[in-house]
Protein backbone atom coordinates (compact mmCIF):
# COMPACT_ATOMS: atom_id res chain seq x y z
CA MET A 1 -0.08 -0.23 -0.04
CA GLN A 2 1.46 3.54 -1.08
CA LEU A 3 2.11 6.25 1.36
CA SER A 4 -0.55 8.95 0.70
CA PHE A 5 -0.09 12.90 1.17
CA ALA A 6 -2.89 12.39 3.92
CA ASP A 7 -0.19 10.27 5.74
CA VAL A 8 2.63 12.57 5.40
CA PHE A 9 0.20 15.39 6.72
CA ILE A 10 -0.77 13.61 9.92
CA VAL A 11 3.10 12.57 10.41
CA ALA A 12 4.19 16.15 9.87
CA LEU A 13 1.32 17.49 12.11
CA VAL A 14 2.25 15.11 15.02
CA ALA A 15 6.21 16.06 14.70
CA TRP A 16 5.16 19.92 14.47
CA THR A 17 2.80 19.71 17.47
CA PHE A 18 4.56 17.38 19.97
CA ALA A 19 8.27 16.86 18.51
CA SER A 20 9.24 20.45 17.73
CA GLY A 21 7.41 22.59 20.34
CA PRO A 22 9.02 24.05 23.20
CA HIS A 23 7.22 21.43 26.00
CA GLY A 24 6.62 18.49 23.52
CA TRP A 25 4.13 15.72 24.62
CA SER A 26 4.09 17.59 28.06
CA SER A 27 1.89 20.39 26.48
CA LEU A 28 -0.86 17.71 26.78
CA LEU A 29 -0.35 17.63 30.61
CA THR A 30 -0.90 21.50 31.26
CA ASP A 31 -4.34 20.74 32.70
CA GLY A 32 -4.37 18.87 35.81
CA ASP A 33 -7.79 17.25 35.58
CA ALA A 34 -5.91 14.04 33.95
CA GLY A 35 -4.63 13.44 37.51
CA TRP A 36 -8.01 12.56 38.87
CA HIS A 37 -9.36 11.17 35.64
CA ILE A 38 -6.65 8.41 36.00
CA ARG A 39 -7.28 7.67 39.70
CA VAL A 40 -11.14 7.63 39.06
CA GLY A 41 -10.30 4.99 36.20
CA GLU A 42 -8.16 2.85 38.43
CA MET A 43 -10.58 2.94 41.23
CA ILE A 44 -13.39 1.48 38.83
CA LEU A 45 -11.00 -1.14 37.83
CA ASP A 46 -10.29 -2.16 41.34
CA THR A 47 -13.70 -2.02 42.75
CA GLY A 48 -15.75 -3.04 39.80
CA ALA A 49 -18.13 -0.17 40.40
CA VAL A 50 -18.85 3.25 39.17
CA PRO A 51 -18.57 5.87 42.09
CA HIS A 52 -21.62 7.73 43.15
CA THR A 53 -20.12 9.69 45.87
CA ASP A 54 -17.07 11.71 46.40
CA PRO A 55 -13.91 10.04 47.21
CA PHE A 56 -11.40 12.85 46.96
CA SER A 57 -12.29 15.67 49.05
CA PHE A 58 -12.25 16.66 52.83
CA SER A 59 -14.47 19.79 52.05
CA LYS A 60 -17.52 17.63 50.50
CA PRO A 61 -16.66 13.89 51.70
CA GLY A 62 -19.06 11.27 50.86
CA GLU A 63 -21.57 13.78 49.02
CA ALA A 64 -23.31 12.80 46.05
CA TRP A 65 -20.92 12.73 42.69
CA TYR A 66 -21.56 12.08 39.13
CA ALA A 67 -18.63 10.48 37.29
CA TRP A 68 -20.06 11.29 34.10
CA GLU A 69 -16.91 10.49 31.99
CA TRP A 70 -16.39 7.26 33.68
CA LEU A 71 -15.66 5.08 30.52
CA SER A 72 -12.95 7.49 29.45
CA ASP A 73 -11.69 7.44 33.07
CA VAL A 74 -11.53 3.47 32.79
CA GLY A 75 -9.47 3.69 29.43
CA MET A 76 -7.11 6.24 31.11
CA GLY A 77 -6.70 4.08 34.14
CA LEU A 78 -5.96 1.25 31.89
CA LEU A 79 -3.22 3.31 29.69
CA HIS A 80 -1.65 4.67 32.68
CA ARG A 81 -1.14 1.16 34.30
CA ALA A 82 0.27 -0.18 31.05
CA GLY A 83 2.51 2.90 30.30
CA GLY A 84 2.30 5.71 32.58
CA LEU A 85 1.77 9.08 31.51
CA LYS A 86 3.65 8.15 28.28
CA ALA A 87 0.73 6.00 27.22
CA ILE A 88 -1.73 8.71 28.17
CA VAL A 89 -0.19 11.35 26.08
CA TRP A 90 0.36 8.97 23.10
CA PHE A 91 -3.22 8.14 22.93
CA ALA A 92 -4.28 11.85 23.42
CA GLY A 93 -2.05 12.64 20.62
CA GLY A 94 -3.55 9.69 18.49
CA LEU A 95 -6.90 11.43 18.93
CA ILE A 96 -5.79 14.70 18.03
CA ALA A 97 -4.38 13.12 14.79
CA LEU A 98 -7.28 11.46 14.05
CA PHE A 99 -9.38 14.56 14.40
CA ALA A 100 -7.18 16.16 11.82
CA GLY A 101 -7.21 13.10 9.54
CA ILE A 102 -10.99 13.21 9.68
CA LEU A 103 -11.24 16.77 8.86
CA LEU A 104 -9.16 16.68 5.85
CA ARG A 105 -10.48 13.35 4.38
CA TYR A 106 -14.21 14.87 4.94
CA MET A 107 -13.15 18.03 3.03
CA MET A 108 -11.53 15.87 0.30
CA TRP A 109 -14.91 13.81 0.12
CA LYS A 110 -16.78 16.97 -0.39
CA GLY A 111 -14.73 17.94 -3.32
CA VAL A 112 -12.79 20.74 -1.87
CA ASN A 113 -9.50 21.89 -3.23
CA ALA A 114 -6.71 19.94 -1.91
CA LEU A 115 -4.73 23.00 -1.06
CA VAL A 116 -7.64 24.72 0.60
CA ALA A 117 -8.45 21.68 2.26
CA LEU A 118 -4.86 21.33 3.59
CA GLY A 119 -4.81 25.09 4.60
CA LEU A 120 -8.03 24.91 6.64
CA THR A 121 -7.12 21.96 8.22
CA LEU A 122 -4.19 23.61 9.81
CA ILE A 123 -6.38 26.63 10.58
CA ALA A 124 -8.94 24.57 12.27
CA VAL A 125 -6.19 22.39 14.27
CA GLY A 126 -4.73 25.85 15.18
CA ALA A 127 -8.11 27.19 16.68
CA CYS A 128 -8.82 23.94 18.49
CA SER A 129 -5.18 23.79 19.90
CA ILE A 130 -6.24 25.44 23.29
CA HIS A 131 -8.16 22.24 24.19
CA PHE A 132 -5.48 19.94 23.13
CA LEU A 133 -5.19 18.48 26.66
CA ALA A 134 -5.15 14.69 27.86
CA ARG A 135 -8.69 14.71 28.92
CA PRO A 136 -11.87 12.92 27.82
CA HIS A 137 -13.24 15.67 25.70
CA LEU A 138 -10.78 14.63 23.06
CA VAL A 139 -13.46 12.02 22.16
CA THR A 140 -15.95 14.52 21.22
CA LEU A 141 -13.21 16.35 18.95
CA VAL A 142 -13.12 13.02 17.20
CA LEU A 143 -16.73 12.17 17.12
CA ILE A 144 -18.11 15.70 16.13
CA PRO A 145 -16.80 15.96 12.57
CA ALA A 146 -17.45 12.24 12.17
CA LEU A 147 -21.32 12.51 12.88
CA ALA A 148 -21.44 15.71 10.56
CA TRP A 149 -19.57 13.47 7.96
CA LEU A 150 -22.15 10.71 8.52
CA ILE A 151 -25.42 13.01 8.18
CA ASP A 152 -23.84 14.71 5.15
CA ALA A 153 -23.46 11.42 3.49
CA ASP A 154 -26.82 10.18 4.33
CA ARG A 155 -28.51 13.22 2.95
CA LYS A 156 -26.79 12.79 -0.48
CA ASN A 157 -27.40 8.68 0.01
CA PRO A 158 -29.62 7.56 2.60
CA SER A 159 -28.05 4.34 4.24
CA TRP A 160 -28.71 2.28 7.25
CA LYS A 161 -25.29 3.23 8.63
CA LEU A 162 -26.97 6.41 10.09
CA TRP A 163 -28.81 4.28 12.79
CA LEU A 164 -25.21 3.33 13.95
CA VAL A 165 -25.51 6.80 15.54
CA VAL A 166 -28.02 5.35 18.05
CA PRO A 167 -25.70 2.82 19.80
CA ALA A 168 -22.79 5.28 19.21
CA MET A 169 -24.56 7.94 21.46
CA ALA A 170 -24.93 5.53 24.34
CA LEU A 171 -21.34 4.61 24.22
CA TRP A 172 -20.64 8.54 23.91
CA THR A 173 -22.76 9.44 26.79
CA ASN A 174 -20.57 7.59 29.13
CA LEU A 175 -17.40 8.75 27.62
CA HIS A 176 -17.93 12.65 27.59
CA GLY A 177 -20.64 15.13 28.25
CA GLY A 178 -20.28 16.23 24.60
CA PHE A 179 -22.73 13.94 23.70
CA LEU A 180 -25.12 16.74 23.93
CA ALA A 181 -23.39 18.60 21.13
CA GLY A 182 -24.07 15.34 19.16
CA ILE A 183 -27.82 15.68 20.02
CA VAL A 184 -27.50 19.29 18.87
CA LEU A 185 -26.14 18.31 15.47
CA VAL A 186 -28.90 15.62 14.97
CA GLY A 187 -31.63 17.97 16.17
CA GLY A 188 -30.29 20.54 13.88
CA ALA A 189 -30.44 18.37 10.82
CA THR A 190 -34.15 17.80 12.01
CA ALA A 191 -34.94 21.52 12.24
CA GLY A 192 -32.84 22.31 9.03
CA THR A 193 -34.86 19.60 6.93
CA LEU A 194 -38.20 20.85 8.08
CA LEU A 195 -37.08 24.35 6.99
CA GLU A 196 -36.19 22.99 3.68
CA ARG A 197 -39.71 21.27 3.67
CA ARG A 198 -37.97 17.82 2.95
CA TRP A 199 -40.77 15.90 5.13
CA ASP A 200 -39.40 12.44 4.76
CA GLU A 201 -36.10 13.48 5.60
CA ALA A 202 -37.37 15.31 8.57
CA ARG A 203 -39.13 12.46 9.90
CA ARG A 204 -36.09 10.27 9.39
CA TYR A 205 -34.09 12.64 11.41
CA GLY A 206 -36.46 13.26 13.86
CA LEU A 207 -37.00 10.01 14.99
CA LEU A 208 -32.96 9.73 14.91
CA THR A 209 -32.85 12.51 17.36
CA ALA A 210 -35.73 10.91 19.58
CA LEU A 211 -33.98 7.55 19.53
CA CYS A 212 -30.86 9.22 20.51
CA GLY A 213 -32.04 11.04 23.25
CA VAL A 214 -33.44 7.71 24.63
CA ALA A 215 -30.06 6.28 23.96
CA THR A 216 -28.41 8.98 26.46
CA LEU A 217 -30.20 7.46 29.36
CA ALA A 218 -28.06 4.36 29.28
CA ASN A 219 -25.53 5.58 31.86
CA PRO A 220 -25.08 4.67 35.46
CA TYR A 221 -27.18 7.49 36.72
CA GLY A 222 -30.00 7.53 34.39
CA PHE A 223 -31.94 10.70 33.62
CA HIS A 224 -30.34 12.29 36.74
CA LEU A 225 -27.25 12.82 34.77
CA HIS A 226 -29.12 15.03 32.25
CA GLN A 227 -30.53 17.09 35.13
CA HIS A 228 -26.86 17.49 36.50
CA VAL A 229 -25.34 18.25 33.41
CA PHE A 230 -27.99 21.01 32.33
CA ALA A 231 -27.73 22.64 35.88
CA TYR A 232 -24.03 22.63 35.60
CA LEU A 233 -23.90 24.32 32.05
CA GLY A 234 -26.62 26.82 33.21
CA SER A 235 -24.69 27.82 36.38
CA ASP A 236 -23.88 31.59 36.71
CA PHE A 237 -21.08 30.50 39.01
CA ILE A 238 -19.46 28.25 36.71
CA ARG A 239 -19.83 30.60 33.75
CA ASN A 240 -18.27 33.31 35.85
CA ALA A 241 -15.48 31.16 37.78
CA VAL A 242 -14.36 28.79 35.07
CA GLN A 243 -12.48 30.53 32.27
CA GLU A 244 -12.98 27.71 29.57
CA PHE A 245 -16.93 28.35 29.98
CA GLN A 246 -16.41 32.07 29.42
CA SER A 247 -16.40 33.94 25.92
CA PRO A 248 -13.37 33.68 24.03
CA THR A 249 -10.97 36.62 24.14
CA PHE A 250 -9.55 37.50 20.56
CA ARG A 251 -6.07 37.40 21.53
CA GLY A 252 -3.26 35.15 20.47
CA GLU A 253 -2.75 32.93 17.53
CA SER A 254 -5.50 30.16 18.02
CA ALA A 255 -8.10 33.09 18.91
CA MET A 256 -7.19 34.57 15.67
CA GLN A 257 -7.59 31.33 13.75
CA PHE A 258 -11.13 30.65 15.47
CA GLU A 259 -11.97 34.37 14.24
CA LEU A 260 -11.03 33.75 10.71
CA LEU A 261 -13.15 30.47 10.91
CA LEU A 262 -15.96 32.34 12.30
CA PHE A 263 -15.95 35.18 9.73
CA LEU A 264 -15.88 32.31 6.80
CA GLY A 265 -18.46 30.25 8.48
CA LEU A 266 -21.05 33.25 8.71
CA ILE A 267 -20.35 34.21 5.22
CA THR A 268 -20.73 30.65 4.14
CA ALA A 269 -24.27 30.59 6.13
CA GLY A 270 -25.35 33.61 4.06
CA GLY A 271 -24.72 32.02 0.77
CA LEU A 272 -26.31 28.48 2.32
CA ILE A 273 -29.54 30.53 3.03
CA ALA A 274 -29.61 31.94 -0.58
CA ARG A 275 -29.81 28.30 -1.94
CA GLY A 276 -32.01 27.12 0.74
CA ARG A 277 -29.88 24.94 2.35
CA PHE A 278 -30.92 25.09 5.91
CA VAL A 279 -29.40 22.09 7.87
CA GLU A 280 -25.81 23.63 7.47
CA THR A 281 -27.08 27.14 8.07
CA VAL A 282 -28.63 25.84 11.44
CA TRP A 283 -25.27 24.14 12.54
CA ILE A 284 -23.23 27.08 11.40
CA ALA A 285 -25.47 29.40 13.35
CA GLY A 286 -26.01 27.49 16.54
CA LEU A 287 -22.62 26.42 16.90
CA ALA A 288 -21.10 29.80 16.66
CA HIS A 289 -23.66 31.10 19.10
CA MET A 290 -22.18 28.42 21.45
CA ALA A 291 -18.55 28.93 20.65
CA LEU A 292 -19.14 32.76 21.45
CA GLY A 293 -20.77 32.08 24.57
CA SER A 294 -18.04 29.45 25.87
CA GLN A 295 -14.48 28.90 24.64
CA ARG A 296 -15.30 25.25 25.47
CA HIS A 297 -17.17 25.08 22.26
CA ILE A 298 -14.67 26.48 19.86
CA THR A 299 -13.58 22.80 18.87
CA ILE A 300 -17.19 21.98 17.96
CA PHE A 301 -17.71 25.01 15.81
CA ALA A 302 -14.35 24.56 14.05
CA SER A 303 -15.23 20.66 13.40
CA VAL A 304 -18.58 21.31 11.62
CA ALA A 305 -17.98 24.77 9.96
CA THR A 306 -14.56 24.14 8.63
CA PRO A 307 -15.59 21.78 5.88
CA LEU A 308 -18.79 23.92 5.04
CA ALA A 309 -16.41 27.05 4.47
CA ALA A 310 -13.98 25.07 2.69
CA VAL A 311 -16.61 24.19 -0.05
CA GLN A 312 -17.40 27.91 -0.60
CA LEU A 313 -13.76 28.97 -0.48
CA THR A 314 -13.23 26.13 -3.23
CA GLU A 315 -16.31 27.60 -5.28
CA TRP A 316 -14.83 30.99 -5.03
CA TRP A 317 -11.44 29.85 -5.91
CA ASN A 318 -12.53 27.66 -8.91
CA GLY A 319 -14.31 30.95 -10.27
CA PHE A 320 -11.30 32.88 -10.11
CA ALA A 321 -8.81 30.33 -11.51
CA ALA A 322 -11.03 29.45 -14.40
CA GLY A 323 -10.08 32.78 -16.06
CA GLN A 324 -6.45 32.60 -15.43
CA SER A 325 -3.73 31.22 -17.75
CA ARG A 326 -2.38 27.89 -16.74
CA LYS A 327 1.10 29.42 -16.51
CA SER A 328 -0.17 31.91 -14.04
CA ILE A 329 0.58 31.42 -10.27
CA PRO A 330 -3.38 30.71 -9.90
CA GLY A 331 -3.13 28.34 -12.90
CA ILE A 332 -0.29 26.45 -11.60
CA LEU A 333 -1.94 26.29 -7.85
CA GLN A 334 -5.22 24.81 -9.46
CA GLN A 335 -3.40 22.34 -11.67
CA MET A 336 -1.35 21.35 -8.41
CA SER A 337 -4.52 20.90 -6.36
CA LYS A 338 -5.84 18.49 -9.13
CA ASP A 339 -2.73 16.44 -9.15
CA LEU A 340 -2.62 16.01 -5.49
CA ALA A 341 -6.29 15.41 -4.81
CA PRO A 342 -6.32 11.42 -5.77
CA ASN A 343 -3.31 10.96 -3.52
CA PHE A 344 -5.10 12.82 -0.70
CA ARG A 345 -8.28 10.51 -0.90
CA ARG A 346 -6.05 7.48 -1.07
CA ASN A 347 -6.83 5.00 1.64
CA SER A 348 -3.54 4.23 3.62
CA VAL A 349 -2.79 2.99 6.98
CA TRP A 350 0.83 4.13 7.22
CA ALA A 351 -0.03 7.03 9.52
CA ALA A 352 -1.40 4.84 12.03
CA VAL A 353 1.56 2.38 11.77
CA PHE A 354 3.90 5.38 12.22
CA PHE A 355 2.09 6.42 15.28
CA ALA A 356 1.76 3.14 16.93
CA ALA A 357 5.42 2.51 16.23
CA LEU A 358 6.26 5.85 18.48
CA LEU A 359 5.49 3.86 21.59
CA ALA A 360 8.79 1.92 21.11
CA PHE A 361 10.92 4.97 21.02
CA ASP A 362 12.25 6.32 24.15
CA ALA A 363 14.82 8.51 22.69
CA PRO A 364 15.28 12.01 24.25
CA LEU A 365 13.95 13.47 21.26
CA MET A 366 10.51 12.23 22.15
CA ARG A 367 10.72 13.93 25.59
CA TRP A 368 8.11 11.73 27.06
CA PRO A 369 6.64 12.86 30.03
CA SER A 370 7.41 11.01 33.51
CA ASP A 371 5.41 13.64 35.53
CA PHE A 372 3.06 16.74 35.00
CA THR A 373 4.74 19.62 33.50
CA SER A 374 6.81 21.94 35.90
CA VAL A 375 5.57 24.87 33.65
CA MET A 376 1.90 24.68 35.36
CA PHE A 377 2.61 22.86 38.45
CA PRO A 378 5.27 23.26 41.36
CA VAL A 379 6.53 19.82 40.80
CA GLU A 380 9.56 20.14 42.93
CA ILE A 381 8.07 22.10 45.85
CA LEU A 382 5.26 19.61 46.12
CA GLU A 383 7.88 16.70 46.00
CA LYS A 384 9.81 18.30 48.81
CA TYR A 385 6.81 18.76 51.09
CA ARG A 386 4.54 15.59 49.92
CA THR A 387 5.36 13.26 52.74
CA ARG A 388 4.45 15.99 55.20
CA MET A 389 1.18 17.16 53.31
CA LEU A 390 0.04 13.54 52.51
CA THR A 391 -2.50 13.22 55.44
CA SER A 392 -2.99 16.87 56.04
CA ARG A 393 -5.58 19.68 54.73
CA VAL A 394 -4.01 21.59 51.93
CA LEU A 395 -5.38 24.73 50.56
CA THR A 396 -4.16 25.22 47.08
CA THR A 397 -5.40 25.75 43.64
CA ASP A 398 -7.91 23.29 42.08
CA GLN A 399 -5.42 22.27 39.29
CA TRP A 400 -2.79 21.74 41.81
CA GLY A 401 -5.45 19.75 43.80
CA ASP A 402 -5.73 17.57 40.71
CA TYR A 403 -1.90 17.00 41.23
CA LEU A 404 -2.07 16.11 44.62
CA LEU A 405 -4.72 13.62 44.10
CA TYR A 406 -2.58 12.21 41.11
CA HIS A 407 0.51 11.49 43.39
CA GLY A 408 -0.99 11.21 46.78
CA TYR A 409 -4.86 9.35 46.48
CA PRO A 410 -5.76 7.38 48.32
CA LYS A 411 -4.19 8.95 51.50
CA GLN A 412 -4.25 12.50 50.12
CA ARG A 413 -7.49 14.43 50.15
CA VAL A 414 -8.12 17.75 48.75
CA PHE A 415 -10.30 21.00 49.57
CA VAL A 416 -10.92 21.49 45.71
CA ASP A 417 -9.76 19.86 42.21
CA GLY A 418 -10.84 20.27 38.75
CA ARG A 419 -14.21 18.85 39.31
CA SER A 420 -15.99 22.41 39.26
CA ASP A 421 -19.30 20.81 38.66
CA PHE A 422 -19.27 18.94 42.06
CA TYR A 423 -18.00 21.52 44.31
CA GLY A 424 -20.69 24.22 43.00
CA PRO A 425 -21.19 27.82 44.13
CA GLN A 426 -20.75 27.07 48.04
CA THR A 427 -17.58 25.47 48.17
CA GLY A 428 -16.31 26.95 44.93
CA GLY A 429 -17.33 30.44 46.16
CA ASP A 430 -15.32 29.63 49.56
CA TYR A 431 -12.44 28.77 47.34
CA VAL A 432 -12.42 32.07 45.22
CA HIS A 433 -13.21 34.03 48.69
CA LEU A 434 -10.06 32.39 50.38
CA LEU A 435 -7.65 32.86 47.33
CA ASN A 436 -8.37 36.54 47.08
CA GLY A 437 -8.27 37.08 50.90
CA LEU A 438 -11.84 38.49 51.11
CA HIS A 439 -13.40 39.29 54.53
CA ASN A 440 -13.73 36.44 57.10
CA TRP A 441 -10.91 34.72 55.24
CA GLN A 442 -9.56 33.46 58.71
CA GLY A 443 -13.12 31.81 59.56
CA LEU A 444 -13.01 30.11 56.41
CA MET A 445 -9.41 28.65 57.29
CA GLU A 446 -10.80 27.70 60.76
CA LYS A 447 -13.97 26.09 58.85
CA TYR A 448 -11.90 23.92 56.62
CA LYS A 449 -8.96 23.29 59.29
CA PHE A 450 -6.08 23.71 56.78
CA ASP A 451 -2.62 22.73 57.95
CA PHE A 452 -0.93 23.80 54.72
CA VAL A 453 -1.26 26.60 52.06
CA VAL A 454 0.52 26.17 48.81
CA ALA A 455 -0.11 29.19 46.86
CA PRO A 456 0.93 30.78 43.49
CA VAL A 457 2.47 34.11 43.82
CA GLU A 458 -0.36 35.89 42.44
CA TRP A 459 -2.81 35.08 45.05
CA PRO A 460 -3.91 38.00 47.21
CA LEU A 461 -4.18 35.62 50.05
CA ASN A 462 -0.38 35.93 50.37
CA SER A 463 0.03 39.29 51.89
CA LEU A 464 -2.62 38.44 54.60
CA LEU A 465 -0.72 34.93 55.44
CA LYS A 466 2.80 36.80 55.52
CA ALA A 467 1.25 39.36 58.20
CA SER A 468 -0.13 36.26 60.10
CA SER A 469 1.23 35.01 63.48
CA ARG A 470 -0.77 31.61 62.93
CA TRP A 471 1.04 30.82 59.68
CA LYS A 472 4.75 30.52 58.99
CA LEU A 473 6.37 30.61 55.54
CA LEU A 474 8.27 27.63 54.50
CA GLU A 475 9.54 28.43 51.06
CA ASP A 476 9.13 31.26 48.47
CA ASN A 477 10.59 30.31 45.21
CA GLY A 478 9.09 33.44 43.38
CA LYS A 479 6.39 31.38 41.66
CA THR A 480 5.07 29.41 44.63
CA LEU A 481 4.88 29.87 48.41
CA VAL A 482 4.08 27.35 51.14
CA TYR A 483 2.85 28.17 54.62
CA GLU A 484 2.43 25.86 57.44
CA LYS A 485 -0.03 26.46 60.26
CA VAL A 486 1.44 27.63 63.67
CA GLU A 487 0.36 25.60 66.65
CA GLN A 488 -1.03 28.09 68.95
CA LYS A 489 0.30 27.58 72.80
CA VAL A 490 -2.54 27.76 75.39
CA ARG A 491 -1.39 29.87 77.91
CA GLU A 492 -1.89 28.68 81.61
CA PRO A 493 -4.16 30.95 83.61
CA LYS A 494 -2.57 33.16 86.33
CA PHE A 495 -3.60 33.31 89.74
């Protein structure tokens, strides 16, 4: 089987993203949530049961908790036991490469100019890169463009394959909460076909939407999971306190790439309306609204809007190139695209073989991680004080709480970690109150009986702790400060 240009593209993308970057594979571990996901997965493997109550905190011990990504957690637990963090980032990198490959092949299937498809795939990958983290959401990153492609193909040639979405939705529900985005896509197809007055298609996709909705009930928590997820997504506290649920700020390279896709997508939607194609219009408009409301949804918008915008760009380019000489630059590019297209469409497994072979290489060039990145986590400080903190109550960031759980569970318990849906506005509000050193901070310190504080230098609480006689500064390296509670001596009464 011959090597295809799609293989070369995937290999180059992996090398560019993970081999040449400043942090290599460790860039996938800049979010601590991977730590508690691994521990949940190992817990399920050990007990054979999905947890229904909190096992990790001393702030809300034993309270009801939804491990709604439990199946992904099991996968991460298995990978970690097989190959440590190396296996975790390798699999995460594979999902990212698969996402890019699906996006490229989807555009080629739609007849997009090969150079346009290549360029927009790179832009989409760049726009989504803010979420390139070793977490369960990478499952949704892969499934969204695959679902859009399946619906697109079914509209052109109805097939029984569409109904595979129903069992896939049941599986998706247990892998990641992004299954709701899948329901949005299928429901959008229903709404769009109704607007197009394609009644048979509308009934087909309406039935599919209903069956997918029923399939999502196949989870350990039943409909209570849906209640929890909707409450979580609608929480004002979460939207205000968690950065990834806030609107994007258009700064930085990835944000600019998203802005370009947004601009192209909305122009494309206008052309689609003019041609009476409302399914794609509903998708673009609905997902653009979601992405502008929460940067967490940028990946979903990019996965769906990019192929649609690529078709529009190809039409514009073909119209422009048609009047150009074959010896001109546009003419040369047009011929180059035609020559490349068959090779891009060729099926090949060489990229998968290459990626599988990466696990066998432990050369320094690969920079496989043995721990979370010290860029985001106080690795050396926490290693130094870990034994003393292991059975103590530590106040630290939610991300560093994840890191403590990864290294210290089951002995280690935390105040908060990355499970913002579990802690909610009450405990989460106390956490925000403490780090900012707001009034009654001392009362909250007593309420939770903290023994240690591991604080980033930017916490306003630092100035109060330094001035307090009840806390002793153990270490300050310019980035992280460590405090230990001073035992208060009880004075004997004088007679």
